[in-house]
Amino acid sequence: MRIDRQIQAPPQTMIGQAWTGRHVILLHCTNNNQFINLYKSFHAPIEPPRQNCAETLSQLLSIGYRLMAITPISANEIQYFLVLGD
């Protein structure tokens, strides 16, 4: 007897799709408003980041993220901590 098993990739979260739970984003930028990197929880919905950090923040806030903290990481780098969800 043969059992066929199909392996499915996890679904991709897209903007406009319903989601539940809490999502976290760490956004790293320079003091000169330049995007460095974005770290996110696995299923966090996002828009593609822009080179301009203010534009990236604007996109995340418009999706519904709330700014929880701003932390200087070094003399030239800032981290923004954003949360979405309950």
Protein backbone atom coordinates (compact mmCIF):
# COMPACT_ATOMS: atom_id res chain seq x y z
CA MET A 1 0.00 0.00 0.00
CA ARG A 2 1.37 3.38 -1.01
CA ILE A 3 0.61 6.60 0.87
CA ASP A 4 1.10 9.84 -1.05
CA ARG A 5 1.99 12.79 1.10
CA GLN A 6 2.17 16.29 -0.21
CA ILE A 7 4.43 18.78 1.50
CA GLN A 8 2.97 22.26 1.55
CA ALA A 9 4.92 25.43 2.20
CA PRO A 10 3.65 27.62 5.04
CA PRO A 11 1.22 30.28 3.80
CA GLN A 12 2.68 33.71 3.06
CA THR A 13 1.15 36.60 5.01
CA MET A 14 0.14 39.44 2.72
CA ILE A 15 -1.20 42.89 3.41
CA GLY A 16 -4.99 42.79 3.46
CA GLN A 17 -5.05 39.21 4.74
CA ALA A 18 -6.51 38.63 8.20
CA TRP A 19 -4.02 37.62 10.88
CA THR A 20 -4.13 36.99 14.60
CA GLY A 21 -1.66 37.29 17.43
CA ARG A 22 1.12 39.76 18.03
CA HIS A 23 3.87 40.66 15.61
CA VAL A 24 7.16 42.42 16.29
CA ILE A 25 9.49 44.41 14.05
CA LEU A 26 12.94 45.78 14.82
CA LEU A 27 13.89 48.49 12.33
CA HIS A 28 17.54 49.64 12.22
CA CYS A 29 18.37 53.01 10.67
CA THR A 30 21.22 55.50 10.64
CA ASN A 31 21.01 58.93 12.24
CA ASN A 32 20.85 60.27 8.66
CA ASN A 33 17.50 58.56 7.92
CA GLN A 34 19.00 55.67 5.92
CA PHE A 35 17.54 52.16 6.21
CA ILE A 36 20.00 49.51 7.48
CA ASN A 37 17.97 46.37 8.21
CA LEU A 38 14.59 45.07 9.32
CA TYR A 39 14.06 42.07 11.60
CA LYS A 40 10.54 40.68 12.05
CA SER A 41 8.59 37.92 13.68
CA PHE A 42 7.99 35.01 11.31
CA HIS A 43 4.47 35.87 10.06
CA ALA A 44 4.57 39.65 10.53
CA PRO A 45 2.87 41.47 7.66
CA ILE A 46 5.08 44.13 6.10
CA GLU A 47 5.54 46.26 3.02
CA PRO A 48 8.95 46.20 1.33
CA PRO A 49 11.30 48.55 3.24
CA ARG A 50 12.51 51.74 1.55
CA GLN A 51 15.99 53.27 1.66
CA ASN A 52 14.46 56.27 3.45
CA CYS A 53 13.81 55.20 7.06
CA ALA A 54 11.01 57.74 7.61
CA GLU A 55 9.11 56.28 4.65
CA THR A 56 9.54 52.75 6.01
CA LEU A 57 8.24 53.88 9.42
CA SER A 58 5.30 55.60 7.73
CA GLN A 59 4.36 52.39 5.90
CA LEU A 60 4.53 50.31 9.08
CA LEU A 61 2.43 52.80 11.05
CA SER A 62 -0.19 52.90 8.28
CA ILE A 63 -0.50 49.08 8.44
CA GLY A 64 -1.29 49.40 12.14
CA TYR A 65 2.02 48.90 13.93
CA ARG A 66 2.57 50.94 17.09
CA LEU A 67 5.95 52.39 17.98
CA MET A 68 6.90 50.96 21.39
CA ALA A 69 10.50 52.15 21.80
CA ILE A 70 13.35 53.99 20.10
CA THR A 71 16.84 52.96 21.20
CA PRO A 72 20.26 54.27 20.13
CA ILE A 73 22.40 51.22 19.33
CA SER A 74 25.59 53.13 18.55
CA ALA A 75 26.61 56.72 17.87
CA ASN A 76 25.27 56.38 14.32
CA GLU A 77 22.50 53.73 14.54
CA ILE A 78 18.94 53.77 15.92
CA GLN A 79 16.58 50.85 16.55
CA TYR A 80 12.79 51.26 16.33
CA PHE A 81 10.70 48.60 18.10
CA LEU A 82 7.20 48.24 16.62
CA VAL A 83 4.33 45.94 17.62
CA LEU A 84 1.15 44.92 15.81
CA GLY A 85 -1.71 42.99 17.37
CA ASP A 86 -3.42 42.37 20.64
